[in-house]
Amino acid sequence: MNFKIFDHTLENNIFSHSANPLLCMCLLYEFLFLISKKFFSLSYTCKQLMEQVKLMIIEYIESVDDENFLTAVMLERDYSGRDSL
């Protein structure tokens, strides 16, 4: 998984095949945070991955030109009814 996150090519990145990559990145960030809290031995690796995901989230947000599209993506809900915010 580490290699799939660090790979910035479109065909190899795990987020490029998602309908809402921003939501997936936010959920992965949250998941890594929960893992780091529960398992202290994994906290260093999780924090490294969280930093990489955070940079990708910022890069994705800055690359979006249309604020209406970004608003729609941020408010789109997952199967649990949660949005990216």
PDB file of N, CA and C in Angstrom:
ATOM      1  N   MET A   1       0.822  -1.189   0.000  1.00  0.00           N
ATOM      2  CA  MET A   1       0.000   0.000   0.000  1.00  0.00           C
ATOM      3  C   MET A   1       0.865   1.252   0.000  1.00  0.00           C
ATOM      4  N   ASN A   2       1.971   1.180   0.676  1.00  0.00           N
ATOM      5  CA  ASN A   2       2.867   2.320   0.745  1.00  0.00           C
ATOM      6  C   ASN A   2       3.305   2.752  -0.644  1.00  0.00           C
ATOM      7  N   PHE A   3       3.616   1.788  -1.515  1.00  0.00           N
ATOM      8  CA  PHE A   3       4.061   2.116  -2.860  1.00  0.00           C
ATOM      9  C   PHE A   3       2.929   2.696  -3.705  1.00  0.00           C
ATOM     10  N   LYS A   4       1.716   2.249  -3.494  1.00  0.00           N
ATOM     11  CA  LYS A   4       0.585   2.750  -4.268  1.00  0.00           C
ATOM     12  C   LYS A   4       0.240   4.190  -3.891  1.00  0.00           C
ATOM     13  N   ILE A   5       0.504   4.583  -2.667  1.00  0.00           N
ATOM     14  CA  ILE A   5       0.250   5.961  -2.256  1.00  0.00           C
ATOM     15  C   ILE A   5       1.338   6.883  -2.786  1.00  0.00           C
ATOM     16  N   PHE A   6       2.588   6.436  -2.724  1.00  0.00           N
ATOM     17  CA  PHE A   6       3.700   7.279  -3.166  1.00  0.00           C
ATOM     18  C   PHE A   6       3.831   7.346  -4.679  1.00  0.00           C
ATOM     19  N   ASP A   7       3.162   6.469  -5.395  1.00  0.00           N
ATOM     20  CA  ASP A   7       3.227   6.464  -6.860  1.00  0.00           C
ATOM     21  C   ASP A   7       2.297   7.547  -7.399  1.00  0.00           C
ATOM     22  N   HIS A   8       2.875   8.532  -8.073  1.00  0.00           N
ATOM     23  CA  HIS A   8       2.076   9.663  -8.558  1.00  0.00           C
ATOM     24  C   HIS A   8       1.594   9.496  -9.994  1.00  0.00           C
ATOM     25  N   THR A   9       1.877   8.352 -10.616  1.00  0.00           N
ATOM     26  CA  THR A   9       1.362   8.140 -11.959  1.00  0.00           C
ATOM     27  C   THR A   9      -0.124   7.812 -11.881  1.00  0.00           C
ATOM     28  N   LEU A  10      -0.852   8.228 -12.856  1.00  0.00           N
ATOM     29  CA  LEU A  10      -2.306   8.087 -12.847  1.00  0.00           C
ATOM     30  C   LEU A  10      -2.754   6.631 -12.822  1.00  0.00           C
ATOM     31  N   GLU A  11      -2.115   5.780 -13.585  1.00  0.00           N
ATOM     32  CA  GLU A  11      -2.572   4.398 -13.676  1.00  0.00           C
ATOM     33  C   GLU A  11      -2.210   3.562 -12.450  1.00  0.00           C
ATOM     34  N   ASN A  12      -1.252   3.974 -11.648  1.00  0.00           N
ATOM     35  CA  ASN A  12      -0.828   3.178 -10.501  1.00  0.00           C
ATOM     36  C   ASN A  12      -1.297   3.723  -9.156  1.00  0.00           C
ATOM     37  N   ASN A  13      -1.840   4.904  -9.131  1.00  0.00           N
ATOM     38  CA  ASN A  13      -2.267   5.486  -7.866  1.00  0.00           C
ATOM     39  C   ASN A  13      -3.602   4.893  -7.446  1.00  0.00           C
ATOM     40  N   ILE A  14      -3.730   4.542  -6.156  1.00  0.00           N
ATOM     41  CA  ILE A  14      -4.954   3.881  -5.689  1.00  0.00           C
ATOM     42  C   ILE A  14      -6.162   4.810  -5.719  1.00  0.00           C
ATOM     43  N   PHE A  15      -5.953   6.105  -5.713  1.00  0.00           N
ATOM     44  CA  PHE A  15      -7.075   7.043  -5.694  1.00  0.00           C
ATOM     45  C   PHE A  15      -7.594   7.387  -7.090  1.00  0.00           C
ATOM     46  N   SER A  16      -6.822   7.113  -8.115  1.00  0.00           N
ATOM     47  CA  SER A  16      -7.220   7.513  -9.471  1.00  0.00           C
ATOM     48  C   SER A  16      -8.367   6.680 -10.023  1.00  0.00           C
ATOM     49  N   HIS A  17      -8.651   5.538  -9.423  1.00  0.00           N
ATOM     50  CA  HIS A  17      -9.724   4.665  -9.910  1.00  0.00           C
ATOM     51  C   HIS A  17     -11.007   4.832  -9.101  1.00  0.00           C
ATOM     52  N   SER A  18     -11.079   5.880  -8.328  1.00  0.00           N
ATOM     53  CA  SER A  18     -12.235   6.117  -7.471  1.00  0.00           C
ATOM     54  C   SER A  18     -13.136   7.193  -8.076  1.00  0.00           C
ATOM     55  N   ALA A  19     -14.425   7.088  -7.808  1.00  0.00           N
ATOM     56  CA  ALA A  19     -15.366   8.109  -8.276  1.00  0.00           C
ATOM     57  C   ALA A  19     -15.165   9.419  -7.507  1.00  0.00           C
ATOM     58  N   ASN A  20     -14.744   9.327  -6.256  1.00  0.00           N
ATOM     59  CA  ASN A  20     -14.495  10.514  -5.442  1.00  0.00           C
ATOM     60  C   ASN A  20     -13.161  10.335  -4.707  1.00  0.00           C
ATOM     61  N   PRO A  21     -12.057  10.687  -5.363  1.00  0.00           N
ATOM     62  CA  PRO A  21     -10.750  10.480  -4.732  1.00  0.00           C
ATOM     63  C   PRO A  21     -10.555  11.307  -3.473  1.00  0.00           C
ATOM     64  N   LEU A  22     -11.173  12.474  -3.404  1.00  0.00           N
ATOM     65  CA  LEU A  22     -11.023  13.306  -2.209  1.00  0.00           C
ATOM     66  C   LEU A  22     -11.638  12.631  -0.993  1.00  0.00           C
ATOM     67  N   LEU A  23     -12.800  12.062  -1.159  1.00  0.00           N
ATOM     68  CA  LEU A  23     -13.447  11.338  -0.070  1.00  0.00           C
ATOM     69  C   LEU A  23     -12.608  10.136   0.345  1.00  0.00           C
ATOM     70  N   CYS A  24     -12.059   9.416  -0.622  1.00  0.00           N
ATOM     71  CA  CYS A  24     -11.213   8.261  -0.314  1.00  0.00           C
ATOM     72  C   CYS A  24      -9.958   8.678   0.447  1.00  0.00           C
ATOM     73  N   MET A  25      -9.359   9.780   0.045  1.00  0.00           N
ATOM     74  CA  MET A  25      -8.169  10.259   0.752  1.00  0.00           C
ATOM     75  C   MET A  25      -8.497  10.661   2.176  1.00  0.00           C
ATOM     76  N   CYS A  26      -9.631  11.325   2.369  1.00  0.00           N
ATOM     77  CA  CYS A  26     -10.039  11.730   3.711  1.00  0.00           C
ATOM     78  C   CYS A  26     -10.341  10.513   4.590  1.00  0.00           C
ATOM     79  N   LEU A  27     -10.992   9.517   4.023  1.00  0.00           N
ATOM     80  CA  LEU A  27     -11.287   8.299   4.785  1.00  0.00           C
ATOM     81  C   LEU A  27     -10.004   7.533   5.128  1.00  0.00           C
ATOM     82  N   LEU A  28      -9.061   7.482   4.203  1.00  0.00           N
ATOM     83  CA  LEU A  28      -7.791   6.826   4.478  1.00  0.00           C
ATOM     84  C   LEU A  28      -7.041   7.570   5.575  1.00  0.00           C
ATOM     85  N   TYR A  29      -7.053   8.891   5.526  1.00  0.00           N
ATOM     86  CA  TYR A  29      -6.399   9.701   6.561  1.00  0.00           C
ATOM     87  C   TYR A  29      -7.002   9.396   7.936  1.00  0.00           C
ATOM     88  N   GLU A  30      -8.320   9.352   7.998  1.00  0.00           N
ATOM     89  CA  GLU A  30      -8.998   9.048   9.252  1.00  0.00           C
ATOM     90  C   GLU A  30      -8.662   7.632   9.733  1.00  0.00           C
ATOM     91  N   PHE A  31      -8.650   6.676   8.814  1.00  0.00           N
ATOM     92  CA  PHE A  31      -8.336   5.291   9.148  1.00  0.00           C
ATOM     93  C   PHE A  31      -6.913   5.166   9.703  1.00  0.00           C
ATOM     94  N   LEU A  32      -5.958   5.828   9.056  1.00  0.00           N
ATOM     95  CA  LEU A  32      -4.574   5.801   9.542  1.00  0.00           C
ATOM     96  C   LEU A  32      -4.460   6.444  10.917  1.00  0.00           C
ATOM     97  N   PHE A  33      -5.214   7.502  11.146  1.00  0.00           N
ATOM     98  CA  PHE A  33      -5.224   8.147  12.459  1.00  0.00           C
ATOM     99  C   PHE A  33      -5.732   7.188  13.529  1.00  0.00           C
ATOM    100  N   LEU A  34      -6.806   6.472  13.221  1.00  0.00           N
ATOM    101  CA  LEU A  34      -7.361   5.520  14.190  1.00  0.00           C
ATOM    102  C   LEU A  34      -6.391   4.365  14.463  1.00  0.00           C
ATOM    103  N   ILE A  35      -5.721   3.905  13.430  1.00  0.00           N
ATOM    104  CA  ILE A  35      -4.737   2.835  13.616  1.00  0.00           C
ATOM    105  C   ILE A  35      -3.579   3.318  14.490  1.00  0.00           C
ATOM    106  N   SER A  36      -3.107   4.530  14.239  1.00  0.00           N
ATOM    107  CA  SER A  36      -1.978   5.048  15.012  1.00  0.00           C
ATOM    108  C   SER A  36      -2.339   5.238  16.477  1.00  0.00           C
ATOM    109  N   LYS A  37      -3.608   5.535  16.756  1.00  0.00           N
ATOM    110  CA  LYS A  37      -4.046   5.680  18.146  1.00  0.00           C
ATOM    111  C   LYS A  37      -4.168   4.327  18.846  1.00  0.00           C
ATOM    112  N   LYS A  38      -4.593   3.333  18.115  1.00  0.00           N
ATOM    113  CA  LYS A  38      -4.815   2.015  18.717  1.00  0.00           C
ATOM    114  C   LYS A  38      -3.535   1.201  18.848  1.00  0.00           C
ATOM    115  N   PHE A  39      -2.655   1.284  17.849  1.00  0.00           N
ATOM    116  CA  PHE A  39      -1.430   0.493  17.834  1.00  0.00           C
ATOM    117  C   PHE A  39      -0.221   1.418  17.816  1.00  0.00           C
ATOM    118  N   PHE A  40       0.377   1.590  18.975  1.00  0.00           N
ATOM    119  CA  PHE A  40       1.503   2.520  19.104  1.00  0.00           C
ATOM    120  C   PHE A  40       2.669   2.124  18.204  1.00  0.00           C
ATOM    121  N   SER A  41       2.893   0.841  18.014  1.00  0.00           N
ATOM    122  CA  SER A  41       4.026   0.388  17.203  1.00  0.00           C
ATOM    123  C   SER A  41       3.895   0.801  15.731  1.00  0.00           C
ATOM    124  N   LEU A  42       2.684   1.073  15.286  1.00  0.00           N
ATOM    125  CA  LEU A  42       2.466   1.480  13.893  1.00  0.00           C
ATOM    126  C   LEU A  42       2.349   2.991  13.720  1.00  0.00           C
ATOM    127  N   SER A  43       2.477   3.729  14.803  1.00  0.00           N
ATOM    128  CA  SER A  43       2.206   5.167  14.723  1.00  0.00           C
ATOM    129  C   SER A  43       3.178   5.905  13.805  1.00  0.00           C
ATOM    130  N   TYR A  44       4.456   5.530  13.797  1.00  0.00           N
ATOM    131  CA  TYR A  44       5.420   6.218  12.939  1.00  0.00           C
ATOM    132  C   TYR A  44       5.071   6.021  11.463  1.00  0.00           C
ATOM    133  N   THR A  45       4.815   4.793  11.073  1.00  0.00           N
ATOM    134  CA  THR A  45       4.465   4.500   9.681  1.00  0.00           C
ATOM    135  C   THR A  45       3.161   5.173   9.295  1.00  0.00           C
ATOM    136  N   CYS A  46       2.178   5.116  10.195  1.00  0.00           N
ATOM    137  CA  CYS A  46       0.888   5.755   9.913  1.00  0.00           C
ATOM    138  C   CYS A  46       1.046   7.258   9.762  1.00  0.00           C
ATOM    139  N   LYS A  47       1.869   7.866  10.604  1.00  0.00           N
ATOM    140  CA  LYS A  47       2.058   9.325  10.511  1.00  0.00           C
ATOM    141  C   LYS A  47       2.763   9.707   9.219  1.00  0.00           C
ATOM    142  N   GLN A  48       3.685   8.883   8.762  1.00  0.00           N
ATOM    143  CA  GLN A  48       4.329   9.137   7.466  1.00  0.00           C
ATOM    144  C   GLN A  48       3.304   9.067   6.337  1.00  0.00           C
ATOM    145  N   LEU A  49       2.491   8.039   6.359  1.00  0.00           N
ATOM    146  CA  LEU A  49       1.466   7.892   5.324  1.00  0.00           C
ATOM    147  C   LEU A  49       0.436   9.012   5.421  1.00  0.00           C
ATOM    148  N   MET A  50       0.072   9.405   6.633  1.00  0.00           N
ATOM    149  CA  MET A  50      -0.889  10.496   6.811  1.00  0.00           C
ATOM    150  C   MET A  50      -0.348  11.798   6.229  1.00  0.00           C
ATOM    151  N   GLU A  51       0.929  12.049   6.415  1.00  0.00           N
ATOM    152  CA  GLU A  51       1.532  13.266   5.862  1.00  0.00           C
ATOM    153  C   GLU A  51       1.492  13.242   4.337  1.00  0.00           C
ATOM    154  N   GLN A  52       1.784  12.093   3.750  1.00  0.00           N
ATOM    155  CA  GLN A  52       1.733  11.957   2.294  1.00  0.00           C
ATOM    156  C   GLN A  52       0.302  12.144   1.777  1.00  0.00           C
ATOM    157  N   VAL A  53      -0.663  11.546   2.462  1.00  0.00           N
ATOM    158  CA  VAL A  53      -2.071  11.683   2.054  1.00  0.00           C
ATOM    159  C   VAL A  53      -2.519  13.129   2.194  1.00  0.00           C
ATOM    160  N   LYS A  54      -2.087  13.791   3.264  1.00  0.00           N
ATOM    161  CA  LYS A  54      -2.454  15.202   3.465  1.00  0.00           C
ATOM    162  C   LYS A  54      -1.914  16.073   2.331  1.00  0.00           C
ATOM    163  N   LEU A  55      -0.685  15.820   1.916  1.00  0.00           N
ATOM    164  CA  LEU A  55      -0.122  16.571   0.792  1.00  0.00           C
ATOM    165  C   LEU A  55      -0.887  16.312  -0.496  1.00  0.00           C
ATOM    166  N   MET A  56      -1.325  15.071  -0.690  1.00  0.00           N
ATOM    167  CA  MET A  56      -2.105  14.745  -1.882  1.00  0.00           C
ATOM    168  C   MET A  56      -3.480  15.410  -1.837  1.00  0.00           C
ATOM    169  N   ILE A  57      -4.079  15.502  -0.652  1.00  0.00           N
ATOM    170  CA  ILE A  57      -5.369  16.187  -0.507  1.00  0.00           C
ATOM    171  C   ILE A  57      -5.222  17.656  -0.869  1.00  0.00           C
ATOM    172  N   ILE A  58      -4.185  18.279  -0.352  1.00  0.00           N
ATOM    173  CA  ILE A  58      -3.948  19.706  -0.646  1.00  0.00           C
ATOM    174  C   ILE A  58      -3.694  19.906  -2.135  1.00  0.00           C
ATOM    175  N   GLU A  59      -2.902  19.029  -2.722  1.00  0.00           N
ATOM    176  CA  GLU A  59      -2.613  19.123  -4.159  1.00  0.00           C
ATOM    177  C   GLU A  59      -3.882  18.950  -4.991  1.00  0.00           C
ATOM    178  N   TYR A  60      -4.741  18.017  -4.592  1.00  0.00           N
ATOM    179  CA  TYR A  60      -5.997  17.790  -5.310  1.00  0.00           C
ATOM    180  C   TYR A  60      -6.903  19.020  -5.214  1.00  0.00           C
ATOM    181  N   ILE A  61      -7.040  19.571  -4.015  1.00  0.00           N
ATOM    182  CA  ILE A  61      -7.905  20.740  -3.817  1.00  0.00           C
ATOM    183  C   ILE A  61      -7.395  21.931  -4.619  1.00  0.00           C
ATOM    184  N   GLU A  62      -6.089  22.133  -4.626  1.00  0.00           N
ATOM    185  CA  GLU A  62      -5.522  23.259  -5.369  1.00  0.00           C
ATOM    186  C   GLU A  62      -5.628  23.071  -6.879  1.00  0.00           C
ATOM    187  N   SER A  63      -5.731  21.834  -7.340  1.00  0.00           N
ATOM    188  CA  SER A  63      -5.816  21.594  -8.780  1.00  0.00           C
ATOM    189  C   SER A  63      -7.223  21.789  -9.334  1.00  0.00           C
ATOM    190  N   VAL A  64      -8.237  21.821  -8.471  1.00  0.00           N
ATOM    191  CA  VAL A  64      -9.624  21.983  -8.923  1.00  0.00           C
ATOM    192  C   VAL A  64      -9.877  23.460  -9.220  1.00  0.00           C
ATOM    193  N   ASP A  65     -10.350  23.738 -10.441  1.00  0.00           N
ATOM    194  CA  ASP A  65     -10.593  25.114 -10.864  1.00  0.00           C
ATOM    195  C   ASP A  65     -12.001  25.601 -10.530  1.00  0.00           C
ATOM    196  N   ASP A  66     -12.952  24.705 -10.556  1.00  0.00           N
ATOM    197  CA  ASP A  66     -14.352  25.079 -10.362  1.00  0.00           C
ATOM    198  C   ASP A  66     -14.759  24.857  -8.904  1.00  0.00           C
ATOM    199  N   GLU A  67     -15.084  25.939  -8.199  1.00  0.00           N
ATOM    200  CA  GLU A  67     -15.431  25.804  -6.786  1.00  0.00           C
ATOM    201  C   GLU A  67     -16.753  25.066  -6.586  1.00  0.00           C
ATOM    202  N   ASN A  68     -17.651  25.114  -7.563  1.00  0.00           N
ATOM    203  CA  ASN A  68     -18.909  24.359  -7.449  1.00  0.00           C
ATOM    204  C   ASN A  68     -18.645  22.852  -7.501  1.00  0.00           C
ATOM    205  N   PHE A  69     -17.695  22.447  -8.334  1.00  0.00           N
ATOM    206  CA  PHE A  69     -17.325  21.037  -8.400  1.00  0.00           C
ATOM    207  C   PHE A  69     -16.708  20.599  -7.078  1.00  0.00           C
ATOM    208  N   LEU A  70     -15.828  21.426  -6.541  1.00  0.00           N
ATOM    209  CA  LEU A  70     -15.182  21.081  -5.277  1.00  0.00           C
ATOM    210  C   LEU A  70     -16.203  21.002  -4.147  1.00  0.00           C
ATOM    211  N   THR A  71     -17.172  21.900  -4.131  1.00  0.00           N
ATOM    212  CA  THR A  71     -18.227  21.854  -3.120  1.00  0.00           C
ATOM    213  C   THR A  71     -19.034  20.574  -3.249  1.00  0.00           C
ATOM    214  N   ALA A  72     -19.373  20.196  -4.474  1.00  0.00           N
ATOM    215  CA  ALA A  72     -20.144  18.973  -4.693  1.00  0.00           C
ATOM    216  C   ALA A  72     -19.359  17.747  -4.251  1.00  0.00           C
ATOM    217  N   VAL A  73     -18.065  17.722  -4.539  1.00  0.00           N
ATOM    218  CA  VAL A  73     -17.222  16.592  -4.149  1.00  0.00           C
ATOM    219  C   VAL A  73     -17.108  16.513  -2.626  1.00  0.00           C
ATOM    220  N   MET A  74     -16.963  17.654  -1.981  1.00  0.00           N
ATOM    221  CA  MET A  74     -16.822  17.671  -0.519  1.00  0.00           C
ATOM    222  C   MET A  74     -18.104  17.241   0.179  1.00  0.00           C
ATOM    223  N   LEU A  75     -19.244  17.536  -0.400  1.00  0.00           N
ATOM    224  CA  LEU A  75     -20.519  17.212   0.238  1.00  0.00           C
ATOM    225  C   LEU A  75     -21.058  15.838  -0.142  1.00  0.00           C
ATOM    226  N   GLU A  76     -20.406  15.184  -1.095  1.00  0.00           N
ATOM    227  CA  GLU A  76     -20.838  13.843  -1.484  1.00  0.00           C
ATOM    228  C   GLU A  76     -20.624  12.878  -0.314  1.00  0.00           C
ATOM    229  N   ARG A  77     -21.611  12.053  -0.068  1.00  0.00           N
ATOM    230  CA  ARG A  77     -21.576  11.180   1.108  1.00  0.00           C
ATOM    231  C   ARG A  77     -21.159   9.762   0.749  1.00  0.00           C
ATOM    232  N   ASP A  78     -20.555   9.082   1.726  1.00  0.00           N
ATOM    233  CA  ASP A  78     -20.209   7.675   1.546  1.00  0.00           C
ATOM    234  C   ASP A  78     -21.394   6.811   1.966  1.00  0.00           C
ATOM    235  N   TYR A  79     -21.188   5.505   2.011  1.00  0.00           N
ATOM    236  CA  TYR A  79     -22.293   4.584   2.331  1.00  0.00           C
ATOM    237  C   TYR A  79     -22.781   4.718   3.769  1.00  0.00           C
ATOM    238  N   SER A  80     -21.955   5.290   4.632  1.00  0.00           N
ATOM    239  CA  SER A  80     -22.355   5.511   6.023  1.00  0.00           C
ATOM    240  C   SER A  80     -23.071   6.829   6.228  1.00  0.00           C
ATOM    241  N   GLY A  81     -23.145   7.633   5.169  1.00  0.00           N
ATOM    242  CA  GLY A  81     -23.809   8.926   5.262  1.00  0.00           C
ATOM    243  C   GLY A  81     -22.891  10.049   5.698  1.00  0.00           C
ATOM    244  N   ARG A  82     -21.562   9.801   5.719  1.00  0.00           N
ATOM    245  CA  ARG A  82     -20.602  10.823   6.123  1.00  0.00           C
ATOM    246  C   ARG A  82     -20.048  11.528   4.889  1.00  0.00           C
ATOM    247  N   ASP A  83     -19.784  12.821   5.020  1.00  0.00           N
ATOM    248  CA  ASP A  83     -19.148  13.554   3.924  1.00  0.00           C
ATOM    249  C   ASP A  83     -17.681  13.772   4.256  1.00  0.00           C
ATOM    250  N   SER A  84     -16.949  14.404   3.342  1.00  0.00           N
ATOM    251  CA  SER A  84     -15.509  14.622   3.522  1.00  0.00           C
ATOM    252  C   SER A  84     -15.201  15.614   4.632  1.00  0.00           C
ATOM    253  N   LEU A  85     -16.160  16.467   4.928  1.00  0.00           N
ATOM    254  CA  LEU A  85     -15.925  17.466   5.963  1.00  0.00           C
ATOM    255  C   LEU A  85     -16.039  16.838   7.319  1.00  0.00           C
TER     256      LEU A  85
END
